N, C-alpha and C. Protein backbone atom coordinates (compact mmCIF):
# COMPACT_ATOMS: atom_id res chain seq x y z
N MET A 1 51.98 26.78 -29.71
CA MET A 1 52.89 25.86 -30.39
C MET A 1 52.14 24.56 -30.68
N GLU A 2 52.20 24.16 -31.88
CA GLU A 2 51.59 22.90 -32.29
C GLU A 2 52.60 21.76 -32.14
N THR A 3 52.12 20.55 -32.28
CA THR A 3 53.01 19.40 -32.29
C THR A 3 53.89 19.48 -33.51
N GLN A 4 55.18 19.20 -33.32
CA GLN A 4 56.13 19.25 -34.43
C GLN A 4 56.75 17.87 -34.61
N PHE A 5 57.08 17.56 -35.86
CA PHE A 5 57.74 16.30 -36.16
C PHE A 5 59.13 16.57 -36.68
N LEU A 6 60.08 15.76 -36.24
CA LEU A 6 61.43 15.82 -36.77
C LEU A 6 61.55 14.72 -37.81
N THR A 7 62.21 15.02 -38.90
CA THR A 7 62.32 14.06 -39.99
C THR A 7 63.78 13.82 -40.35
N ASP A 8 64.03 12.68 -40.98
CA ASP A 8 65.36 12.41 -41.48
C ASP A 8 65.50 13.00 -42.87
N GLU A 9 66.64 12.75 -43.51
CA GLU A 9 66.91 13.34 -44.82
C GLU A 9 65.94 12.86 -45.91
N LYS A 10 65.25 11.73 -45.65
CA LYS A 10 64.28 11.21 -46.63
C LYS A 10 62.85 11.68 -46.33
N GLY A 11 62.69 12.47 -45.30
CA GLY A 11 61.36 12.96 -44.95
C GLY A 11 60.57 12.04 -44.03
N ASN A 12 61.18 10.96 -43.55
CA ASN A 12 60.53 10.03 -42.62
C ASN A 12 60.50 10.64 -41.21
N ARG A 13 59.36 10.60 -40.58
CA ARG A 13 59.26 11.11 -39.21
C ARG A 13 60.08 10.24 -38.27
N THR A 14 60.91 10.89 -37.47
CA THR A 14 61.78 10.15 -36.55
C THR A 14 61.55 10.51 -35.09
N ALA A 15 60.91 11.64 -34.84
CA ALA A 15 60.67 12.09 -33.47
C ALA A 15 59.54 13.11 -33.48
N VAL A 16 59.06 13.42 -32.28
CA VAL A 16 57.99 14.39 -32.14
C VAL A 16 58.32 15.36 -31.01
N VAL A 17 57.93 16.61 -31.19
CA VAL A 17 58.09 17.63 -30.16
C VAL A 17 56.68 18.07 -29.76
N LEU A 18 56.38 17.93 -28.46
CA LEU A 18 55.05 18.28 -27.94
C LEU A 18 55.16 19.47 -27.01
N PRO A 19 54.13 20.30 -26.97
CA PRO A 19 54.08 21.32 -25.91
C PRO A 19 54.04 20.61 -24.56
N ILE A 20 54.66 21.19 -23.55
CA ILE A 20 54.77 20.54 -22.24
C ILE A 20 53.41 20.23 -21.63
N LYS A 21 52.42 21.11 -21.82
CA LYS A 21 51.08 20.84 -21.29
C LYS A 21 50.48 19.59 -21.94
N LYS A 22 50.67 19.44 -23.23
CA LYS A 22 50.15 18.27 -23.94
C LYS A 22 50.88 17.00 -23.47
N TYR A 23 52.19 17.11 -23.28
CA TYR A 23 52.98 15.98 -22.78
C TYR A 23 52.50 15.56 -21.40
N ASN A 24 52.32 16.54 -20.50
CA ASN A 24 51.88 16.22 -19.13
C ASN A 24 50.51 15.57 -19.12
N LYS A 25 49.59 16.02 -19.97
CA LYS A 25 48.27 15.40 -20.07
C LYS A 25 48.39 13.96 -20.55
N LEU A 26 49.26 13.74 -21.52
CA LEU A 26 49.48 12.41 -22.04
C LEU A 26 50.01 11.48 -20.95
N ILE A 27 50.97 11.94 -20.18
CA ILE A 27 51.53 11.14 -19.09
C ILE A 27 50.45 10.83 -18.05
N GLU A 28 49.64 11.82 -17.72
CA GLU A 28 48.56 11.61 -16.74
C GLU A 28 47.58 10.55 -17.23
N LYS A 29 47.22 10.60 -18.49
CA LYS A 29 46.30 9.61 -19.04
C LYS A 29 46.92 8.22 -19.06
N LEU A 30 48.22 8.13 -19.35
CA LEU A 30 48.90 6.84 -19.32
C LEU A 30 48.92 6.27 -17.90
N GLU A 31 49.12 7.13 -16.91
CA GLU A 31 49.11 6.66 -15.53
C GLU A 31 47.72 6.16 -15.14
N ASP A 32 46.68 6.86 -15.60
CA ASP A 32 45.31 6.40 -15.33
C ASP A 32 45.07 5.03 -15.96
N LEU A 33 45.53 4.86 -17.20
CA LEU A 33 45.37 3.57 -17.87
C LEU A 33 46.12 2.46 -17.14
N GLU A 34 47.29 2.79 -16.61
CA GLU A 34 48.06 1.79 -15.86
C GLU A 34 47.31 1.40 -14.59
N ASP A 35 46.69 2.37 -13.92
CA ASP A 35 45.89 2.07 -12.73
C ASP A 35 44.74 1.12 -13.08
N ILE A 36 44.09 1.37 -14.20
CA ILE A 36 42.98 0.52 -14.64
C ILE A 36 43.50 -0.88 -14.95
N ARG A 37 44.65 -0.96 -15.63
CA ARG A 37 45.24 -2.26 -15.96
C ARG A 37 45.55 -3.05 -14.69
N LEU A 38 46.14 -2.38 -13.70
CA LEU A 38 46.47 -3.05 -12.44
C LEU A 38 45.20 -3.50 -11.72
N TYR A 39 44.16 -2.67 -11.76
CA TYR A 39 42.89 -3.05 -11.14
C TYR A 39 42.31 -4.28 -11.82
N ASP A 40 42.29 -4.26 -13.15
CA ASP A 40 41.76 -5.40 -13.90
C ASP A 40 42.56 -6.67 -13.61
N GLU A 41 43.87 -6.53 -13.50
CA GLU A 41 44.72 -7.67 -13.18
C GLU A 41 44.38 -8.22 -11.80
N ALA A 42 44.18 -7.33 -10.85
CA ALA A 42 43.84 -7.75 -9.50
C ALA A 42 42.49 -8.46 -9.46
N LYS A 43 41.53 -7.97 -10.24
CA LYS A 43 40.22 -8.61 -10.29
C LYS A 43 40.31 -10.02 -10.86
N ARG A 44 41.14 -10.21 -11.89
CA ARG A 44 41.31 -11.53 -12.49
C ARG A 44 41.92 -12.52 -11.51
N GLU A 45 42.79 -12.01 -10.65
CA GLU A 45 43.49 -12.87 -9.69
C GLU A 45 42.77 -12.93 -8.35
N ASP A 46 41.53 -12.48 -8.32
CA ASP A 46 40.77 -12.41 -7.07
C ASP A 46 40.65 -13.79 -6.43
N ASP A 47 41.21 -13.92 -5.24
CA ASP A 47 41.12 -15.18 -4.50
C ASP A 47 40.34 -15.01 -3.20
N GLY A 48 39.61 -13.89 -3.12
CA GLY A 48 38.84 -13.63 -1.92
C GLY A 48 39.57 -12.79 -0.90
N TYR A 49 40.87 -12.62 -1.07
CA TYR A 49 41.68 -11.81 -0.17
C TYR A 49 41.37 -10.34 -0.42
N ARG A 50 41.15 -9.57 0.62
CA ARG A 50 40.82 -8.15 0.49
C ARG A 50 41.84 -7.31 1.24
N ILE A 51 42.11 -6.12 0.66
CA ILE A 51 42.98 -5.15 1.32
C ILE A 51 42.26 -3.81 1.32
N SER A 52 42.75 -2.90 2.15
CA SER A 52 42.14 -1.57 2.22
C SER A 52 42.50 -0.77 0.97
N ILE A 53 41.73 0.26 0.70
CA ILE A 53 41.99 1.11 -0.45
C ILE A 53 43.35 1.79 -0.32
N ASP A 54 43.72 2.17 0.91
CA ASP A 54 45.02 2.80 1.13
C ASP A 54 46.16 1.84 0.77
N GLU A 55 46.01 0.59 1.16
CA GLU A 55 47.03 -0.41 0.83
C GLU A 55 47.07 -0.65 -0.68
N ALA A 56 45.92 -0.65 -1.32
CA ALA A 56 45.87 -0.83 -2.77
C ALA A 56 46.61 0.28 -3.48
N PHE A 57 46.38 1.53 -3.06
CA PHE A 57 47.08 2.65 -3.69
C PHE A 57 48.58 2.58 -3.44
N LYS A 58 48.97 2.12 -2.26
CA LYS A 58 50.38 1.97 -1.94
C LYS A 58 51.03 0.96 -2.90
N ILE A 59 50.37 -0.15 -3.13
CA ILE A 59 50.87 -1.18 -4.05
C ILE A 59 50.94 -0.64 -5.48
N ILE A 60 49.90 0.08 -5.88
CA ILE A 60 49.90 0.65 -7.24
C ILE A 60 51.06 1.61 -7.41
N GLU A 61 51.28 2.47 -6.43
CA GLU A 61 52.39 3.43 -6.53
C GLU A 61 53.74 2.73 -6.57
N GLU A 62 53.90 1.65 -5.81
CA GLU A 62 55.15 0.90 -5.84
C GLU A 62 55.37 0.28 -7.20
N LYS A 63 54.31 -0.30 -7.78
CA LYS A 63 54.43 -0.90 -9.12
C LYS A 63 54.70 0.16 -10.16
N ARG A 64 54.09 1.33 -10.01
CA ARG A 64 54.28 2.42 -10.97
C ARG A 64 55.74 2.86 -11.00
N LYS A 65 56.38 2.86 -9.84
CA LYS A 65 57.79 3.26 -9.77
C LYS A 65 58.69 2.29 -10.53
N LEU A 66 58.26 1.04 -10.66
CA LEU A 66 59.06 0.02 -11.35
C LEU A 66 58.96 0.15 -12.86
N VAL A 67 57.92 0.83 -13.35
CA VAL A 67 57.70 0.94 -14.80
C VAL A 67 58.56 2.00 -15.40
């Protein structure tokens, strides 16, 4: 199944239908990008305070739930 587009009566694309595997890959990549964004944000705000990697992942997961 290829990607499909839904159109209105004028032929304008209004929605898209994706195969579930393609959708899941897209979501995974978006989550990776969000992790990178959060890391970059943390680096900009670096005040010398350090936390463990486990604590960092916990914070990232909490923020991800808010999105």
